[in-house]
Amino acid sequence: MIFFLTVFVVWLCSFGGIIYIVTKKLPQLKEVVAHQDNVTWKDVMKAWFVSLQRSSVAQNNHPEKLLHRILSKTRIFMLRSERVVGTWLERLRTRTQEKNGKKVPQKPKSFSEDYWGRLRKKKKEEK
């Protein structure tokens, strides 16, 4: 109960903060919209690209280094997500096999010391 109350109070304060910020900035937002009558998507993208070129990240890094870093992080993210999806698929296959009543393949057991002795006994019993 105390957890629910705490979460509710935090949510209420956050929501109140958002409403406060919006009401304080609403007149300024109306002025900006009034000045920009015919703004197209292309203009917004052009302005964003210009601001990106002027940013300190773009100026301090060589474009090839920046591209290398972005691609490396993307590759790492893709490898991690591939591993997660692989484990999900494995669990799903196991659950499906259990539901269908088929024998679920077990992981191989570790090698025991008396393996060769057991094989010799089986061979003697067969003769």
N, C-alpha and C. Protein backbone atom coordinates (compact mmCIF):
# COMPACT_ATOMS: atom_id res chain seq x y z
N MET A 1 0.82 -1.19 0.00
CA MET A 1 0.00 0.00 0.00
C MET A 1 0.86 1.25 0.00
N ILE A 2 1.94 1.23 0.77
CA ILE A 2 2.81 2.40 0.85
C ILE A 2 3.54 2.61 -0.48
N PHE A 3 3.85 1.51 -1.15
CA PHE A 3 4.51 1.61 -2.46
C PHE A 3 3.58 2.29 -3.45
N PHE A 4 2.32 1.86 -3.48
CA PHE A 4 1.33 2.46 -4.38
C PHE A 4 1.17 3.94 -4.09
N LEU A 5 1.12 4.30 -2.84
CA LEU A 5 0.97 5.69 -2.45
C LEU A 5 2.17 6.52 -2.90
N THR A 6 3.36 5.98 -2.73
CA THR A 6 4.58 6.68 -3.13
C THR A 6 4.59 6.89 -4.64
N VAL A 7 4.28 5.85 -5.39
CA VAL A 7 4.26 5.96 -6.85
C VAL A 7 3.21 6.97 -7.29
N PHE A 8 2.06 6.96 -6.65
CA PHE A 8 1.00 7.90 -7.01
C PHE A 8 1.43 9.34 -6.74
N VAL A 9 2.09 9.59 -5.62
CA VAL A 9 2.54 10.94 -5.29
C VAL A 9 3.59 11.41 -6.30
N VAL A 10 4.52 10.53 -6.66
CA VAL A 10 5.54 10.90 -7.65
C VAL A 10 4.88 11.18 -8.99
N TRP A 11 3.92 10.37 -9.38
CA TRP A 11 3.22 10.57 -10.65
C TRP A 11 2.46 11.88 -10.63
N LEU A 12 1.81 12.18 -9.54
CA LEU A 12 1.03 13.40 -9.42
C LEU A 12 1.94 14.63 -9.50
N CYS A 13 3.07 14.59 -8.81
CA CYS A 13 4.01 15.71 -8.86
C CYS A 13 4.57 15.90 -10.28
N SER A 14 4.88 14.81 -10.95
CA SER A 14 5.41 14.89 -12.31
C SER A 14 4.37 15.48 -13.25
N PHE A 15 3.15 15.01 -13.14
CA PHE A 15 2.07 15.51 -13.98
C PHE A 15 1.83 17.00 -13.71
N GLY A 16 1.86 17.39 -12.45
CA GLY A 16 1.70 18.80 -12.10
C GLY A 16 2.83 19.65 -12.66
N GLY A 17 4.05 19.14 -12.63
CA GLY A 17 5.19 19.86 -13.20
C GLY A 17 5.04 20.06 -14.70
N ILE A 18 4.57 19.03 -15.38
CA ILE A 18 4.36 19.14 -16.82
C ILE A 18 3.31 20.21 -17.13
N ILE A 19 2.21 20.18 -16.39
CA ILE A 19 1.15 21.17 -16.61
C ILE A 19 1.66 22.58 -16.31
N TYR A 20 2.45 22.74 -15.26
CA TYR A 20 3.01 24.05 -14.91
C TYR A 20 3.90 24.58 -16.03
N ILE A 21 4.78 23.73 -16.56
CA ILE A 21 5.69 24.16 -17.63
C ILE A 21 4.91 24.53 -18.89
N VAL A 22 3.93 23.72 -19.24
CA VAL A 22 3.14 24.01 -20.44
C VAL A 22 2.38 25.32 -20.30
N THR A 23 1.78 25.56 -19.14
CA THR A 23 1.02 26.80 -18.97
C THR A 23 1.93 28.03 -18.96
N LYS A 24 3.15 27.90 -18.46
CA LYS A 24 4.08 29.03 -18.46
C LYS A 24 4.59 29.33 -19.87
N LYS A 25 4.78 28.30 -20.69
CA LYS A 25 5.37 28.47 -22.02
C LYS A 25 4.33 28.61 -23.12
N LEU A 26 3.08 28.43 -22.84
CA LEU A 26 2.03 28.48 -23.87
C LEU A 26 1.98 29.83 -24.59
N PRO A 27 2.07 30.98 -23.92
CA PRO A 27 2.07 32.25 -24.66
C PRO A 27 3.25 32.38 -25.62
N GLN A 28 4.42 31.93 -25.21
CA GLN A 28 5.59 31.99 -26.09
C GLN A 28 5.42 31.06 -27.28
N LEU A 29 4.84 29.90 -27.05
CA LEU A 29 4.60 28.97 -28.14
C LEU A 29 3.60 29.54 -29.15
N LYS A 30 2.59 30.23 -28.67
CA LYS A 30 1.62 30.86 -29.57
C LYS A 30 2.29 31.92 -30.43
N GLU A 31 3.23 32.69 -29.87
CA GLU A 31 3.95 33.70 -30.64
C GLU A 31 4.80 33.06 -31.73
N VAL A 32 5.47 31.99 -31.42
CA VAL A 32 6.31 31.30 -32.39
C VAL A 32 5.47 30.75 -33.52
N VAL A 33 4.34 30.17 -33.21
CA VAL A 33 3.46 29.62 -34.24
C VAL A 33 2.90 30.74 -35.11
N ALA A 34 2.61 31.89 -34.52
CA ALA A 34 2.08 33.01 -35.29
C ALA A 34 3.11 33.54 -36.29
N HIS A 35 4.40 33.51 -35.92
CA HIS A 35 5.46 34.00 -36.81
C HIS A 35 5.77 33.00 -37.92
N GLN A 36 5.53 31.74 -37.71
CA GLN A 36 5.86 30.71 -38.70
C GLN A 36 4.55 30.19 -39.31
N ASP A 37 4.11 30.84 -40.35
CA ASP A 37 2.85 30.44 -40.97
C ASP A 37 3.03 29.22 -41.87
N ASN A 38 3.91 29.30 -42.84
CA ASN A 38 4.07 28.23 -43.82
C ASN A 38 5.39 27.50 -43.61
N VAL A 39 5.45 26.68 -42.61
CA VAL A 39 6.65 25.89 -42.34
C VAL A 39 6.40 24.49 -42.87
N THR A 40 7.30 24.04 -43.72
CA THR A 40 7.17 22.69 -44.28
C THR A 40 8.12 21.75 -43.58
N TRP A 41 7.91 20.49 -43.80
CA TRP A 41 8.76 19.45 -43.22
C TRP A 41 10.19 19.59 -43.72
N LYS A 42 10.33 19.98 -44.97
CA LYS A 42 11.67 20.14 -45.56
C LYS A 42 12.43 21.26 -44.85
N ASP A 43 11.76 22.35 -44.51
CA ASP A 43 12.41 23.45 -43.80
C ASP A 43 12.86 23.03 -42.41
N VAL A 44 12.03 22.27 -41.75
CA VAL A 44 12.38 21.79 -40.40
C VAL A 44 13.60 20.88 -40.47
N MET A 45 13.62 19.97 -41.44
CA MET A 45 14.78 19.07 -41.57
C MET A 45 16.05 19.84 -41.93
N LYS A 46 15.92 20.84 -42.77
CA LYS A 46 17.09 21.65 -43.15
C LYS A 46 17.64 22.39 -41.94
N ALA A 47 16.76 22.96 -41.14
CA ALA A 47 17.19 23.67 -39.93
C ALA A 47 17.83 22.71 -38.94
N TRP A 48 17.28 21.52 -38.83
CA TRP A 48 17.86 20.52 -37.92
C TRP A 48 19.25 20.11 -38.40
N PHE A 49 19.42 19.93 -39.70
CA PHE A 49 20.71 19.52 -40.25
C PHE A 49 21.75 20.62 -40.04
N VAL A 50 21.37 21.87 -40.23
CA VAL A 50 22.29 22.99 -40.01
C VAL A 50 22.71 23.07 -38.55
N SER A 51 21.76 22.90 -37.64
CA SER A 51 22.10 22.94 -36.22
C SER A 51 22.97 21.76 -35.83
N LEU A 52 22.78 20.63 -36.47
CA LEU A 52 23.63 19.46 -36.21
C LEU A 52 25.05 19.71 -36.68
N GLN A 53 25.21 20.38 -37.81
CA GLN A 53 26.55 20.68 -38.31
C GLN A 53 27.26 21.69 -37.42
N ARG A 54 26.52 22.57 -36.81
CA ARG A 54 27.13 23.58 -35.93
C ARG A 54 27.41 23.05 -34.53
N SER A 55 26.90 21.89 -34.21
CA SER A 55 27.06 21.37 -32.84
C SER A 55 28.50 21.01 -32.56
N SER A 56 28.83 20.96 -31.28
CA SER A 56 30.21 20.64 -30.87
C SER A 56 30.57 19.20 -31.18
N VAL A 57 29.60 18.31 -31.21
CA VAL A 57 29.88 16.91 -31.52
C VAL A 57 30.38 16.79 -32.94
N ALA A 58 29.74 17.47 -33.88
CA ALA A 58 30.14 17.38 -35.28
C ALA A 58 31.44 18.12 -35.54
N GLN A 59 31.71 19.19 -34.81
CA GLN A 59 32.92 19.96 -35.05
C GLN A 59 34.14 19.33 -34.42
N ASN A 60 33.99 18.66 -33.29
CA ASN A 60 35.14 18.08 -32.60
C ASN A 60 35.53 16.71 -33.14
N ASN A 61 34.66 16.05 -33.85
CA ASN A 61 34.93 14.71 -34.35
C ASN A 61 35.01 14.71 -35.86
N HIS A 62 35.92 13.93 -36.35
CA HIS A 62 36.00 13.73 -37.79
C HIS A 62 34.79 12.92 -38.21
N PRO A 63 34.18 13.21 -39.35
CA PRO A 63 32.97 12.48 -39.75
C PRO A 63 33.16 10.97 -39.83
N GLU A 64 34.35 10.53 -40.27
CA GLU A 64 34.58 9.09 -40.35
C GLU A 64 34.64 8.45 -38.96
N LYS A 65 35.23 9.16 -38.00
CA LYS A 65 35.27 8.63 -36.64
C LYS A 65 33.86 8.54 -36.06
N LEU A 66 33.08 9.58 -36.31
CA LEU A 66 31.71 9.60 -35.83
C LEU A 66 30.89 8.47 -36.45
N LEU A 67 31.06 8.27 -37.76
CA LEU A 67 30.36 7.19 -38.44
C LEU A 67 30.82 5.84 -37.91
N HIS A 68 32.12 5.69 -37.67
CA HIS A 68 32.65 4.44 -37.12
C HIS A 68 32.06 4.14 -35.75
N ARG A 69 31.98 5.16 -34.92
CA ARG A 69 31.44 4.98 -33.58
C ARG A 69 29.95 4.60 -33.63
N ILE A 70 29.20 5.28 -34.49
CA ILE A 70 27.77 4.98 -34.61
C ILE A 70 27.56 3.57 -35.12
N LEU A 71 28.33 3.18 -36.14
CA LEU A 71 28.17 1.83 -36.69
C LEU A 71 28.60 0.76 -35.69
N SER A 72 29.64 1.04 -34.92
CA SER A 72 30.08 0.07 -33.90
C SER A 72 29.00 -0.13 -32.84
N LYS A 73 28.44 0.96 -32.38
CA LYS A 73 27.39 0.84 -31.36
C LYS A 73 26.16 0.15 -31.91
N THR A 74 25.84 0.42 -33.18
CA THR A 74 24.71 -0.25 -33.81
C THR A 74 24.97 -1.75 -33.92
N ARG A 75 26.17 -2.12 -34.28
CA ARG A 75 26.53 -3.53 -34.40
C ARG A 75 26.43 -4.23 -33.05
N ILE A 76 26.93 -3.59 -32.00
CA ILE A 76 26.85 -4.18 -30.66
C ILE A 76 25.40 -4.37 -30.25
N PHE A 77 24.57 -3.36 -30.51
CA PHE A 77 23.15 -3.46 -30.18
C PHE A 77 22.49 -4.61 -30.93
N MET A 78 22.81 -4.74 -32.22
CA MET A 78 22.21 -5.80 -33.02
C MET A 78 22.65 -7.18 -32.52
N LEU A 79 23.92 -7.33 -32.16
CA LEU A 79 24.40 -8.62 -31.65
C LEU A 79 23.71 -8.98 -30.34
N ARG A 80 23.56 -8.01 -29.47
CA ARG A 80 22.88 -8.27 -28.19
C ARG A 80 21.43 -8.65 -28.41
N SER A 81 20.76 -7.91 -29.29
CA SER A 81 19.36 -8.23 -29.54
C SER A 81 19.21 -9.58 -30.22
N GLU A 82 20.15 -9.95 -31.08
CA GLU A 82 20.10 -11.26 -31.72
C GLU A 82 20.24 -12.38 -30.69
N ARG A 83 21.12 -12.18 -29.70
CA ARG A 83 21.30 -13.18 -28.66
C ARG A 83 20.03 -13.32 -27.82
N VAL A 84 19.40 -12.20 -27.51
CA VAL A 84 18.17 -12.23 -26.71
C VAL A 84 17.06 -12.94 -27.48
N VAL A 85 16.92 -12.61 -28.76
CA VAL A 85 15.88 -13.24 -29.57
C VAL A 85 16.16 -14.74 -29.71
N GLY A 86 17.43 -15.11 -29.82
CA GLY A 86 17.78 -16.53 -29.89
C GLY A 86 17.38 -17.30 -28.64
N THR A 87 17.58 -16.71 -27.48
CA THR A 87 17.17 -17.38 -26.25
C THR A 87 15.65 -17.47 -26.16
N TRP A 88 14.94 -16.43 -26.62
CA TRP A 88 13.48 -16.48 -26.64
C TRP A 88 12.99 -17.60 -27.54
N LEU A 89 13.61 -17.73 -28.71
CA LEU A 89 13.21 -18.79 -29.64
C LEU A 89 13.47 -20.17 -29.04
N GLU A 90 14.59 -20.31 -28.37
CA GLU A 90 14.92 -21.61 -27.76
C GLU A 90 13.89 -21.96 -26.69
N ARG A 91 13.53 -20.99 -25.85
CA ARG A 91 12.52 -21.25 -24.82
C ARG A 91 11.17 -21.60 -25.44
N LEU A 92 10.82 -20.89 -26.51
CA LEU A 92 9.55 -21.15 -27.18
C LEU A 92 9.52 -22.56 -27.77
N ARG A 93 10.61 -22.99 -28.39
CA ARG A 93 10.67 -24.35 -28.93
C ARG A 93 10.54 -25.39 -27.83
N THR A 94 11.21 -25.14 -26.71
CA THR A 94 11.14 -26.08 -25.59
C THR A 94 9.71 -26.18 -25.06
N ARG A 95 9.06 -25.02 -24.88
CA ARG A 95 7.68 -25.04 -24.39
C ARG A 95 6.75 -25.74 -25.37
N THR A 96 6.94 -25.51 -26.65
CA THR A 96 6.10 -26.14 -27.66
C THR A 96 6.28 -27.65 -27.65
N GLN A 97 7.52 -28.10 -27.53
CA GLN A 97 7.77 -29.54 -27.48
C GLN A 97 7.18 -30.15 -26.22
N GLU A 98 7.23 -29.44 -25.10
CA GLU A 98 6.64 -29.96 -23.87
C GLU A 98 5.12 -30.05 -24.00
N LYS A 99 4.50 -29.07 -24.65
CA LYS A 99 3.05 -29.10 -24.83
C LYS A 99 2.62 -30.24 -25.75
N ASN A 100 3.42 -30.51 -26.76
CA ASN A 100 3.09 -31.57 -27.71
C ASN A 100 3.42 -32.95 -27.17
N GLY A 101 4.08 -33.02 -26.04
CA GLY A 101 4.39 -34.30 -25.42
C GLY A 101 5.65 -34.96 -25.97
N LYS A 102 6.40 -34.24 -26.76
CA LYS A 102 7.63 -34.82 -27.29
C LYS A 102 8.74 -34.69 -26.25
N LYS A 103 9.72 -35.53 -26.42
CA LYS A 103 10.85 -35.50 -25.51
C LYS A 103 11.70 -34.27 -25.81
N VAL A 104 11.99 -33.52 -24.78
CA VAL A 104 12.79 -32.31 -24.94
C VAL A 104 14.26 -32.69 -24.91
N PRO A 105 15.05 -32.28 -25.89
CA PRO A 105 16.47 -32.62 -25.88
C PRO A 105 17.16 -31.97 -24.69
N GLN A 106 17.89 -32.78 -23.97
CA GLN A 106 18.62 -32.29 -22.81
C GLN A 106 20.02 -31.87 -23.22
N LYS A 107 20.60 -31.05 -22.40
CA LYS A 107 21.97 -30.64 -22.65
C LYS A 107 22.87 -31.86 -22.40
N PRO A 108 23.96 -31.97 -23.17
CA PRO A 108 24.83 -33.13 -22.97
C PRO A 108 25.45 -33.12 -21.58
N LYS A 109 25.48 -34.31 -20.99
CA LYS A 109 26.05 -34.42 -19.65
C LYS A 109 27.57 -34.41 -19.74
N SER A 110 28.17 -34.04 -18.64
CA SER A 110 29.63 -34.00 -18.64
C SER A 110 30.19 -35.43 -18.68
N PHE A 111 31.37 -35.57 -19.16
CA PHE A 111 32.03 -36.87 -19.31
C PHE A 111 32.32 -37.46 -17.92
N SER A 112 31.90 -38.69 -17.71
CA SER A 112 32.17 -39.33 -16.42
C SER A 112 33.39 -40.23 -16.55
N GLU A 113 34.05 -40.47 -15.43
CA GLU A 113 35.29 -41.24 -15.42
C GLU A 113 35.08 -42.71 -15.77
N ASP A 114 33.95 -43.27 -15.41
CA ASP A 114 33.74 -44.69 -15.64
C ASP A 114 33.03 -44.98 -16.97
N TYR A 115 33.08 -44.09 -17.90
CA TYR A 115 32.41 -44.25 -19.18
C TYR A 115 32.92 -45.48 -19.93
N TRP A 116 34.24 -45.60 -20.02
CA TRP A 116 34.82 -46.72 -20.77
C TRP A 116 34.54 -48.05 -20.07
N GLY A 117 34.54 -48.01 -18.74
CA GLY A 117 34.22 -49.23 -17.99
C GLY A 117 32.79 -49.68 -18.25
N ARG A 118 31.86 -48.76 -18.28
CA ARG A 118 30.47 -49.11 -18.58
C ARG A 118 30.32 -49.66 -19.99
N LEU A 119 31.06 -49.11 -20.94
CA LEU A 119 31.00 -49.63 -22.30
C LEU A 119 31.53 -51.06 -22.37
N ARG A 120 32.60 -51.32 -21.65
CA ARG A 120 33.16 -52.69 -21.64
C ARG A 120 32.17 -53.68 -21.03
N LYS A 121 31.49 -53.27 -19.96
CA LYS A 121 30.49 -54.14 -19.33
C LYS A 121 29.34 -54.42 -20.30
N LYS A 122 28.88 -53.41 -21.01
CA LYS A 122 27.81 -53.62 -21.97
C LYS A 122 28.25 -54.58 -23.07
N LYS A 123 29.46 -54.42 -23.51
CA LYS A 123 29.97 -55.29 -24.57
C LYS A 123 30.07 -56.73 -24.10
N LYS A 124 30.52 -56.95 -22.87
CA LYS A 124 30.61 -58.30 -22.31
C LYS A 124 29.23 -58.91 -22.13
N GLU A 125 28.26 -58.09 -21.73
CA GLU A 125 26.89 -58.59 -21.54
C GLU A 125 26.25 -58.98 -22.87
N GLU A 126 26.60 -58.29 -23.94
CA GLU A 126 26.03 -58.60 -25.26
C GLU A 126 26.56 -59.93 -25.78
N LYS A 127 27.78 -60.31 -25.42
CA LYS A 127 28.37 -61.55 -25.92
C LYS A 127 27.81 -62.72 -25.22
